[in-house]
Protein backbone atom coordinates (compact mmCIF):
# COMPACT_ATOMS: atom_id res chain seq x y z
CA UNK A 1 -21.61 -21.62 -2.30
CA UNK A 2 -20.17 -18.80 -0.23
CA UNK A 3 -21.18 -19.02 3.42
CA UNK A 4 -22.50 -15.45 3.63
CA UNK A 5 -24.61 -15.96 0.49
CA UNK A 6 -25.99 -19.22 1.87
CA UNK A 7 -26.86 -17.54 5.16
CA UNK A 8 -28.59 -14.70 3.30
CA UNK A 9 -30.65 -17.19 1.29
CA UNK A 10 -31.61 -19.13 4.41
CA UNK A 11 -32.73 -15.88 6.04
CA UNK A 12 -35.12 -15.33 3.13
CA UNK A 13 -36.41 -18.89 3.51
CA UNK A 14 -36.90 -18.19 7.21
CA UNK A 15 -38.99 -15.14 6.31
CA UNK A 16 -41.10 -17.38 4.04
CA UNK A 17 -41.87 -19.61 7.04
CA UNK A 18 -43.03 -16.53 8.96
CA UNK A 19 -45.10 -15.41 5.97
CA UNK A 20 -46.76 -18.82 5.77
CA UNK A 21 -47.72 -18.57 9.45
CA UNK A 22 -49.26 -15.18 8.73
CA UNK A 23 -51.05 -16.72 5.72
CA UNK A 24 -52.81 -19.18 8.06
CA UNK A 25 -54.08 -16.32 10.22
CA UNK A 26 -55.32 -14.36 7.24
CA UNK A 27 -57.14 -17.43 5.90
CA UNK A 28 -58.93 -17.78 9.24
CA UNK A 29 -59.90 -14.10 9.07
CA UNK A 30 -60.99 -14.49 5.44
CA UNK A 31 -58.84 -11.42 4.53
CA UNK A 32 -58.88 -11.95 0.76
CA UNK A 33 -57.05 -8.76 -0.28
CA UNK A 34 -54.28 -9.19 2.31
CA UNK A 35 -53.86 -12.83 1.31
CA UNK A 36 -53.35 -11.80 -2.29
CA UNK A 37 -50.64 -9.28 -1.42
CA UNK A 38 -48.89 -11.72 0.92
CA UNK A 39 -48.83 -14.49 -1.67
CA UNK A 40 -47.34 -12.11 -4.23
CA UNK A 41 -44.58 -11.22 -1.76
CA UNK A 42 -43.94 -14.89 -1.04
CA UNK A 43 -43.72 -15.63 -4.76
CA UNK A 44 -41.20 -12.82 -5.24
CA UNK A 45 -39.09 -14.06 -2.31
CA UNK A 46 -39.05 -17.64 -3.63
CA UNK A 47 -37.99 -16.39 -7.07
CA UNK A 48 -35.22 -14.31 -5.47
CA UNK A 49 -33.89 -17.40 -3.69
CA UNK A 50 -33.96 -19.43 -6.89
CA UNK A 51 -32.12 -16.77 -8.87
CA UNK A 52 -29.46 -16.46 -6.16
CA UNK A 53 -28.87 -20.21 -6.19
CA UNK A 54 -28.68 -20.32 -9.98
CA UNK A 55 -26.18 -17.46 -9.98
CA UNK A 56 -23.89 -19.29 -7.58
CA UNK A 57 -24.54 -22.97 -8.36
CA UNK A 58 -25.64 -22.87 -11.98
CA UNK A 59 -28.89 -24.01 -13.55
CA UNK A 60 -30.63 -27.33 -13.02
CA UNK A 61 -29.91 -27.85 -9.32
CA UNK A 62 -32.29 -29.81 -7.10
CA UNK A 63 -32.79 -26.77 -4.87
CA UNK A 64 -34.03 -24.68 -7.81
CA UNK A 65 -36.35 -27.50 -8.95
CA UNK A 66 -37.87 -27.61 -5.46
CA UNK A 67 -38.28 -23.83 -5.45
CA UNK A 68 -40.12 -24.02 -8.77
CA UNK A 69 -42.56 -26.46 -7.15
CA UNK A 70 -42.92 -24.06 -4.22
CA UNK A 71 -43.76 -21.23 -6.60
CA UNK A 72 -46.39 -23.42 -8.26
CA UNK A 73 -47.95 -24.10 -4.86
CA UNK A 74 -48.02 -20.40 -4.00
CA UNK A 75 -49.67 -19.56 -7.35
CA UNK A 76 -52.17 -22.40 -6.91
CA UNK A 77 -53.01 -21.04 -3.45
CA UNK A 78 -53.67 -17.59 -4.89
CA UNK A 79 -56.18 -19.07 -7.36
CA UNK A 80 -57.88 -21.52 -4.99
CA UNK A 81 -61.13 -21.07 -3.12
CA UNK A 82 -60.88 -20.07 0.53
CA UNK A 83 -61.68 -23.55 1.86
CA UNK A 84 -58.91 -24.97 -0.36
CA UNK A 85 -56.34 -22.35 0.70
CA UNK A 86 -56.02 -23.87 4.16
CA UNK A 87 -54.92 -27.23 2.71
CA UNK A 88 -52.47 -25.55 0.36
CA UNK A 89 -51.02 -23.49 3.23
CA UNK A 90 -49.95 -26.77 4.88
CA UNK A 91 -48.46 -27.99 1.59
CA UNK A 92 -46.44 -24.75 1.33
CA UNK A 93 -45.07 -25.37 4.83
CA UNK A 94 -43.92 -28.90 3.94
CA UNK A 95 -42.42 -27.64 0.69
CA UNK A 96 -40.50 -24.96 2.58
CA UNK A 97 -39.06 -27.58 4.94
CA UNK A 98 -37.75 -29.60 1.99
CA UNK A 99 -36.32 -26.46 0.32
CA UNK A 100 -34.61 -25.39 3.53
CA UNK A 101 -33.04 -28.81 4.04
CA UNK A 102 -31.78 -28.89 0.45
CA UNK A 103 -30.18 -25.46 0.76
CA UNK A 104 -28.55 -26.35 4.08
CA UNK A 105 -26.89 -29.33 2.37
CA UNK A 106 -25.27 -27.19 -0.33
CA UNK A 107 -21.47 -27.37 0.29
CA UNK A 108 -19.97 -24.13 1.58
CA UNK A 109 -16.89 -22.44 0.16
CA UNK A 110 -14.74 -19.96 2.06
CA UNK A 111 -13.24 -16.94 0.31
CA UNK A 112 -10.05 -15.61 1.85
CA UNK A 113 -8.21 -12.46 0.79
CA UNK A 114 -4.59 -11.58 1.59
CA UNK A 115 -3.62 -7.91 1.37
CA UNK A 116 0.18 -7.50 1.53
CA UNK A 117 1.58 -4.13 0.62
CA UNK A 118 5.37 -4.59 0.41
CA UNK A 119 6.47 -7.74 -1.38
CA UNK A 120 9.39 -8.21 1.03
CA UNK A 121 6.85 -8.59 3.86
CA UNK A 122 4.90 -11.33 2.10
CA UNK A 123 6.62 -13.94 4.29
CA UNK A 124 4.42 -12.79 7.20
CA UNK A 125 1.39 -14.19 5.35
CA UNK A 126 2.76 -16.86 3.04
CA UNK A 127 2.37 -20.00 5.15
CA UNK A 128 -1.23 -19.03 5.96
CA UNK A 129 -1.91 -18.50 2.26
CA UNK A 130 -0.36 -21.89 1.47
CA UNK A 131 -2.71 -23.58 3.94
CA UNK A 132 -5.69 -21.80 2.34
CA UNK A 133 -4.51 -22.85 -1.13
CA UNK A 134 -4.37 -26.49 -0.06
CA UNK A 135 -7.91 -26.41 1.34
CA UNK A 136 -10.22 -27.65 -1.42
CA UNK A 137 -13.18 -25.80 0.07
CA UNK A 138 -11.34 -22.46 0.08
CA UNK A 139 -10.74 -19.83 -2.59
CA UNK A 140 -7.70 -17.69 -1.75
CA UNK A 141 -6.83 -14.37 -3.39
CA UNK A 142 -3.53 -12.52 -3.01
CA UNK A 143 -4.16 -8.85 -3.73
CA UNK A 144 -1.07 -6.63 -3.34
CA UNK A 145 -2.19 -3.13 -2.44
CA UNK A 146 -0.63 0.19 -3.46
CA UNK A 147 1.17 2.44 -1.02
CA UNK A 148 2.81 5.85 -1.04
CA UNK A 149 5.92 7.31 0.51
CA UNK A 150 5.32 10.38 2.65
CA UNK A 151 6.83 13.86 2.65
CA UNK A 152 8.08 15.34 5.94
CA UNK A 153 4.72 17.14 6.31
CA UNK A 154 2.84 13.84 6.05
CA UNK A 155 1.49 14.37 2.53
CA UNK A 156 1.71 11.56 -0.02
CA UNK A 157 4.39 11.50 -2.71
CA UNK A 158 5.63 8.56 -4.83
CA UNK A 159 3.18 5.70 -5.26
CA UNK A 160 4.33 2.08 -5.35
CA UNK A 161 2.71 -1.14 -6.50
CA UNK A 162 4.88 -4.25 -6.17
CA UNK A 163 2.73 -6.98 -7.72
CA UNK A 164 5.52 -8.11 -10.03
CA UNK A 165 7.92 -8.73 -7.15
CA UNK A 166 6.07 -11.68 -5.61
CA UNK A 167 7.24 -15.27 -6.13
CA UNK A 168 6.15 -16.86 -9.40
CA UNK A 169 4.13 -19.50 -7.57
CA UNK A 170 1.86 -16.86 -6.01
CA UNK A 171 -1.11 -15.97 -8.28
CA UNK A 172 -1.82 -12.25 -8.08
CA UNK A 173 -5.17 -10.49 -8.37
CA UNK A 174 -5.14 -6.76 -9.17
CA UNK A 175 -6.88 -4.65 -6.54
CA UNK A 176 -9.10 -3.05 -9.22
CA UNK A 177 -10.38 -6.49 -10.24
CA UNK A 178 -11.81 -7.41 -6.84
CA UNK A 179 -15.02 -5.79 -5.64
CA UNK A 180 -14.87 -5.98 -1.83
CA UNK A 181 -18.40 -4.75 -1.27
CA UNK A 182 -19.93 -7.21 -3.73
CA UNK A 183 -17.81 -10.25 -2.85
CA UNK A 184 -17.64 -9.65 0.91
CA UNK A 185 -14.82 -12.16 1.63
CA UNK A 186 -15.17 -14.45 4.62
CA UNK A 187 -11.70 -13.55 5.89
CA UNK A 188 -9.27 -10.73 5.11
CA UNK A 189 -5.64 -11.02 6.25
CA UNK A 190 -3.50 -7.88 6.61
CA UNK A 191 0.03 -7.26 7.88
CA UNK A 192 0.06 -3.46 7.92
CA UNK A 193 -1.25 -2.16 11.28
CA UNK A 194 -0.75 1.58 10.95
CA UNK A 195 -3.60 3.04 8.88
CA UNK A 196 -2.69 6.75 8.74
CA UNK A 197 -0.17 6.61 11.60
CA UNK A 198 2.94 5.58 9.68
CA UNK A 199 5.33 8.53 9.26
CA UNK A 200 7.16 6.99 6.29
CA UNK A 201 4.54 5.32 4.10
CA UNK A 202 0.81 4.79 3.84
CA UNK A 203 -1.28 2.21 2.06
CA UNK A 204 -4.21 3.60 0.11
CA UNK A 205 -6.82 4.77 2.67
CA UNK A 206 -9.34 2.28 1.27
CA UNK A 207 -7.16 -0.45 2.77
CA UNK A 208 -6.95 1.03 6.27
CA UNK A 209 -8.08 -1.56 8.80
CA UNK A 210 -10.95 0.61 10.02
CA UNK A 211 -12.34 0.69 6.47
CA UNK A 212 -11.74 -2.98 5.59
CA UNK A 213 -13.73 -3.97 8.66
CA UNK A 214 -16.99 -3.21 6.84
CA UNK A 215 -16.22 -5.69 4.03
CA UNK A 216 -15.77 -8.90 6.04
CA UNK A 217 -16.93 -10.67 9.17
CA UNK A 218 -13.38 -11.68 10.02
CA UNK A 219 -10.48 -9.25 9.66
CA UNK A 220 -7.20 -10.84 10.79
CA UNK A 221 -4.02 -8.89 11.50
CA UNK A 222 -0.63 -10.66 11.49
CA UNK A 223 2.36 -8.34 12.14
CA UNK A 224 4.92 -8.12 9.36
CA UNK A 225 7.65 -7.96 12.02
CA UNK A 226 8.94 -10.05 14.91
CA UNK A 227 9.81 -8.34 18.18
CA UNK A 228 12.34 -9.24 20.86
CA UNK A 229 10.89 -11.78 23.25
CA UNK A 230 10.58 -10.14 26.66
CA UNK A 231 8.95 -10.87 29.99
CA UNK A 232 5.46 -9.29 30.12
CA UNK A 233 6.19 -8.21 33.71
CA UNK A 234 9.43 -6.39 32.79
CA UNK A 235 7.97 -2.88 32.76
CA UNK A 236 11.33 -1.22 32.05
CA UNK A 237 11.65 -2.99 28.70
CA UNK A 238 8.07 -3.71 27.70
CA UNK A 239 7.24 -0.02 27.31
CA UNK A 240 9.53 0.18 24.27
CA UNK A 241 7.09 -1.83 22.18
CA UNK A 242 3.84 -0.21 23.28
CA UNK A 243 3.29 1.56 19.95
CA UNK A 244 3.33 -1.79 18.11
CA UNK A 245 0.59 -3.11 20.40
CA UNK A 246 -1.80 -0.17 20.12
CA UNK A 247 -1.92 0.46 16.38
CA UNK A 248 -5.34 0.71 14.63
CA UNK A 249 -5.27 -2.84 13.27
CA UNK A 250 -5.07 -4.20 16.82
CA UNK A 251 -8.28 -2.33 17.62
CA UNK A 252 -10.24 -2.97 14.41
CA UNK A 253 -9.22 -6.54 13.54
CA UNK A 254 -11.37 -9.41 14.73
CA UNK A 255 -8.26 -11.46 15.44
CA UNK A 256 -4.62 -10.53 16.03
CA UNK A 257 -2.06 -13.32 15.65
CA UNK A 258 1.26 -12.67 17.40
CA UNK A 259 4.52 -14.57 17.69
CA UNK A 260 4.22 -16.15 21.16
CA UNK A 261 2.13 -16.49 24.30
CA UNK A 262 4.36 -14.00 26.12
CA UNK A 263 3.84 -11.43 23.34
CA UNK A 264 0.11 -12.14 23.43
CA UNK A 265 0.02 -11.16 27.12
CA UNK A 266 1.92 -7.95 26.37
CA UNK A 267 -0.57 -7.03 23.63
CA UNK A 268 -3.50 -7.79 25.93
CA UNK A 269 -2.04 -5.65 28.73
CA UNK A 270 -1.50 -2.66 26.47
CA UNK A 271 -4.90 -3.05 24.80
CA UNK A 272 -6.67 -2.99 28.18
CA UNK A 273 -4.66 0.04 29.29
CA UNK A 274 -5.24 1.90 26.03
CA UNK A 275 -8.92 1.23 25.44
CA UNK A 276 -10.11 0.70 29.01
CA UNK A 277 -11.68 -2.19 30.88
CA UNK A 278 -15.00 -0.37 31.15
CA UNK A 279 -15.45 0.07 27.39
CA UNK A 280 -13.95 -3.27 26.34
CA UNK A 281 -13.56 -6.11 28.88
CA UNK A 282 -10.31 -8.06 29.12
CA UNK A 283 -12.11 -11.23 28.03
CA UNK A 284 -12.64 -9.60 24.62
CA UNK A 285 -8.90 -9.12 24.13
CA UNK A 286 -8.12 -12.61 25.44
CA UNK A 287 -10.33 -14.14 22.74
CA UNK A 288 -9.13 -11.76 20.05
CA UNK A 289 -5.33 -11.85 20.47
CA UNK A 290 -3.80 -15.25 19.79
CA UNK A 291 -0.19 -16.30 20.36
CA UNK A 292 -0.07 -18.80 17.48
CA UNK A 293 3.38 -17.86 16.17
CA UNK A 294 4.60 -15.96 13.13
CA UNK A 295 4.50 -17.22 9.52
CA UNK A 296 7.86 -15.47 9.11
CA UNK A 297 9.44 -18.21 11.24
CA UNK A 298 7.74 -20.87 9.10
CA UNK A 299 9.40 -19.36 6.03
CA UNK A 300 12.87 -19.16 7.58
CA UNK A 301 12.74 -22.78 8.75
CA UNK A 302 11.68 -24.10 5.32
CA UNK A 303 14.34 -22.25 3.30
CA UNK A 304 17.70 -24.04 3.26
CA UNK A 305 20.98 -22.77 1.84
CA UNK A 306 21.43 -25.73 -0.47
CA UNK A 307 17.96 -25.29 -1.97
CA UNK A 308 18.11 -21.52 -2.49
CA UNK A 309 19.33 -20.36 -5.87
CA UNK A 310 21.67 -17.37 -5.84
CA UNK A 311 21.65 -14.89 -8.73
CA UNK A 312 24.58 -15.10 -11.12
CA UNK A 313 25.93 -11.71 -10.02
CA UNK A 314 25.95 -12.90 -6.40
CA UNK A 315 27.86 -16.06 -7.31
CA UNK A 316 30.52 -14.01 -9.05
CA UNK A 317 31.17 -12.21 -5.75
CA UNK A 318 30.85 -15.28 -3.51
CA UNK A 319 32.99 -17.79 -5.38
CA UNK A 320 36.76 -17.91 -4.94
CA UNK A 321 39.14 -18.65 -7.87
CA UNK A 322 39.48 -22.27 -6.68
CA UNK A 323 35.71 -22.79 -6.91
CA UNK A 324 34.98 -22.77 -3.19
CA UNK A 325 32.72 -20.19 -1.62
CA UNK A 326 33.60 -17.36 0.70
CA UNK A 327 31.83 -16.96 3.99
CA UNK A 328 28.79 -14.74 3.47
CA UNK A 329 27.98 -12.13 6.13
CA UNK A 330 24.49 -10.68 6.07
CA UNK A 331 24.83 -6.98 6.94
CA UNK A 332 21.52 -5.46 7.98
CA UNK A 333 21.00 -1.73 8.55
CA UNK A 334 17.73 -0.71 10.15
CA UNK A 335 15.44 2.31 10.06
CA UNK A 336 15.48 2.53 13.87
CA UNK A 337 19.29 2.87 13.88
CA UNK A 338 19.12 5.53 11.19
CA UNK A 339 16.59 7.58 13.17
CA UNK A 340 18.52 7.18 16.44
CA UNK A 341 22.08 7.70 15.20
CA UNK A 342 21.61 9.68 11.97
CA UNK A 343 25.00 10.62 10.45
CA UNK A 344 26.84 8.46 12.99
CA UNK A 345 25.23 5.40 11.42
CA UNK A 346 26.48 6.51 8.01
CA UNK A 347 30.00 6.86 9.38
CA UNK A 348 29.74 3.40 10.94
CA UNK A 349 28.62 1.96 7.62
CA UNK A 350 31.61 3.50 5.86
CA UNK A 351 33.89 1.79 8.37
CA UNK A 352 32.15 -1.54 7.85
CA UNK A 353 32.40 -1.25 4.08
CA UNK A 354 36.11 -0.40 4.29
CA UNK A 355 36.90 -3.41 6.49
CA UNK A 356 34.92 -5.87 4.37
CA UNK A 357 36.41 -4.47 1.18
CA UNK A 358 39.83 -5.28 2.58
CA UNK A 359 38.65 -8.82 3.45
CA UNK A 360 36.83 -9.45 0.16
CA UNK A 361 39.10 -12.37 -0.83
CA UNK A 362 37.82 -14.42 2.13
CA UNK A 363 34.47 -12.90 3.09
CA UNK A 364 31.54 -11.68 1.01
CA UNK A 365 29.37 -8.92 2.46
CA UNK A 366 25.66 -9.12 1.68
CA UNK A 367 24.26 -5.71 2.52
CA UNK A 368 20.50 -5.65 2.94
CA UNK A 369 19.18 -2.26 4.09
CA UNK A 370 15.70 -2.08 5.53
CA UNK A 371 13.21 -1.86 2.63
CA UNK A 372 11.83 1.41 3.99
CA UNK A 373 15.23 3.05 4.38
CA UNK A 374 14.79 5.49 1.49
CA UNK A 375 11.23 6.29 2.58
CA UNK A 376 12.44 6.94 6.13
CA UNK A 377 15.21 9.24 4.98
CA UNK A 378 12.89 11.14 2.65
CA UNK A 379 10.16 11.73 5.22
CA UNK A 380 12.08 11.92 8.51
CA UNK A 381 15.80 12.58 7.84
CA UNK A 382 15.97 14.41 4.49
CA UNK A 383 19.31 16.00 5.44
CA UNK A 384 20.92 12.56 5.14
CA UNK A 385 19.57 11.77 1.68
CA UNK A 386 22.48 13.03 -0.41
CA UNK A 387 25.21 11.35 1.64
CA UNK A 388 23.32 8.06 1.98
CA UNK A 389 22.59 7.90 -1.76
CA UNK A 390 26.23 8.66 -2.58
CA UNK A 391 27.46 5.90 -0.26
CA UNK A 392 24.93 3.43 -1.61
CA UNK A 393 25.83 4.13 -5.22
CA UNK A 394 29.54 3.80 -4.49
CA UNK A 395 29.02 0.42 -2.83
CA UNK A 396 27.02 -0.87 -5.80
CA UNK A 397 29.42 0.58 -8.37
CA UNK A 398 32.55 -0.96 -6.80
CA UNK A 399 30.91 -4.38 -6.96
CA UNK A 400 33.00 -6.21 -4.34
CA UNK A 401 29.94 -6.89 -2.15
CA UNK A 402 26.33 -7.94 -2.70
CA UNK A 403 23.58 -5.34 -2.54
CA UNK A 404 20.18 -6.87 -1.85
CA UNK A 405 17.07 -4.72 -2.10
CA UNK A 406 14.86 -7.52 -3.41
CA UNK A 407 11.60 -8.62 -1.84
CA UNK A 408 13.08 -11.96 -0.74
CA UNK A 409 14.60 -11.41 2.70
CA UNK A 410 14.59 -15.13 3.41
CA UNK A 411 17.03 -15.84 0.59
CA UNK A 412 19.57 -13.57 2.29
CA UNK A 413 19.02 -15.39 5.58
CA UNK A 414 19.36 -18.79 3.96
CA UNK A 415 22.56 -18.17 1.94
CA UNK A 416 24.47 -16.25 4.61
CA UNK A 417 26.75 -17.86 7.19
CA UNK A 418 26.42 -15.20 9.89
CA UNK A 419 24.56 -12.01 10.75
CA UNK A 420 26.09 -8.62 11.49
CA UNK A 421 24.26 -5.34 11.84
CA UNK A 422 21.59 -3.49 13.76
CA UNK A 423 19.18 -4.97 16.25
CA UNK A 424 15.89 -5.48 14.39
CA UNK A 425 13.14 -8.00 13.82
CA UNK A 426 15.45 -9.71 11.34
CA UNK A 427 17.64 -10.73 14.29
CA UNK A 428 14.72 -12.60 15.85
CA UNK A 429 14.31 -14.58 12.64
CA UNK A 430 18.01 -15.20 12.25
CA UNK A 431 18.18 -16.72 15.71
CA UNK A 432 15.92 -19.54 14.47
CA UNK A 433 18.69 -20.65 12.07
CA UNK A 434 21.22 -21.23 14.85
CA UNK A 435 23.88 -19.30 12.90
CA UNK A 436 26.16 -16.69 14.55
CA UNK A 437 24.83 -13.18 15.24
CA UNK A 438 26.74 -10.01 16.09
CA UNK A 439 25.09 -6.64 16.72
CA UNK A 440 27.08 -3.67 15.50
CA UNK A 441 28.12 -0.88 17.87
CA UNK A 442 27.42 2.36 16.03
CA UNK A 443 29.41 4.33 18.58
CA UNK A 444 32.55 2.42 17.56
CA UNK A 445 33.60 4.41 14.49
CA UNK A 446 37.39 4.14 14.43
CA UNK A 447 37.31 0.45 13.52
CA UNK A 448 34.73 -2.24 13.00
CA UNK A 449 33.62 -4.32 15.95
CA UNK A 450 33.67 -7.52 13.91
CA UNK A 451 35.99 -10.25 15.11
CA UNK A 452 39.07 -10.81 12.98
């Protein structure tokens, strides 16, 4: 039985205890009419409890059998003479104690809901979902939620729903098939913190953190990204990540799980500064924000190159004529670099593509642009759309390198031999592999800054 349902039922039983105490007083006062009304209410409450148990546990349970006896006692009390009612009142009390104990012993089940929006960000929740799946007392639901790209004026445009892009081993529930108000899950996990404050995309407003809060007692936010580890006391650097720490999900979630203890302290500091010590004490944030680590790291550490299957079209690019493999360089281009450097980033990318094309006999380039690159261009840099699309299409058409826009970022990390590209959260993950990393210098346009 779901914990919240069990608690609701026990609250009704508690009210029956109070009613039985009132019944004793009314019997002493000889208040016949009031006794009749009270016993009717008690009968209705007992029936409600029985029906709730049958709905959740099925028919024929011991708890329902005991409730039927309780109902018989209540009816018998309503028909008895006044001097007999006092004895029956005591019998009702003992019956209630037995019923309460039986209900308390009903095993509890926990219902947990995971609400990813982009399939490529599922790795920020996957290891938590796996733990829930392995718990025999837990029912876990993965419910991908729809999202829209935004126009430059902030209005919604194309809608996306990526349920088919999740791994085959992840069972998917459609968002229309889950009634949040009726089911009231025990825990909801989210990885999108922005609510309406994302300039590029937005999940459906129903799934904003401030709205989800009303459908669970425990809303948990785990960031879909990993940030650079920095000293909480380094004020010159720490200010660059303030916006990540003060998004709506940080405020509305019951728990926020971040990548480290140092990052936890940064979140706490910004939360106190943003929402004030007077309104919300620091102790609240210290209990709420937990530095338990990121599931994204769990995923990276469990995926190994030898165990990851590459698509056939990738193998055709990676394999040399003698059957050996080329070195694979993961080339990552980020939204932040696009917004900061604009057309200079595009020129840098052209240089990188030219150099790797020349080296294609020895090295395979695996280009993985940020999954929100097109959304960012459309909403924030529309003047770059035509040139970016032309460059992207040319790269894919020439076919000498791998283009990866799939949801599985960890496959690219696992199969590659080194990282090259922009500074981003992907770098923080790549560091966990121990493989080489080089950050590109966008200002260096005449030639690539990759070692020969």
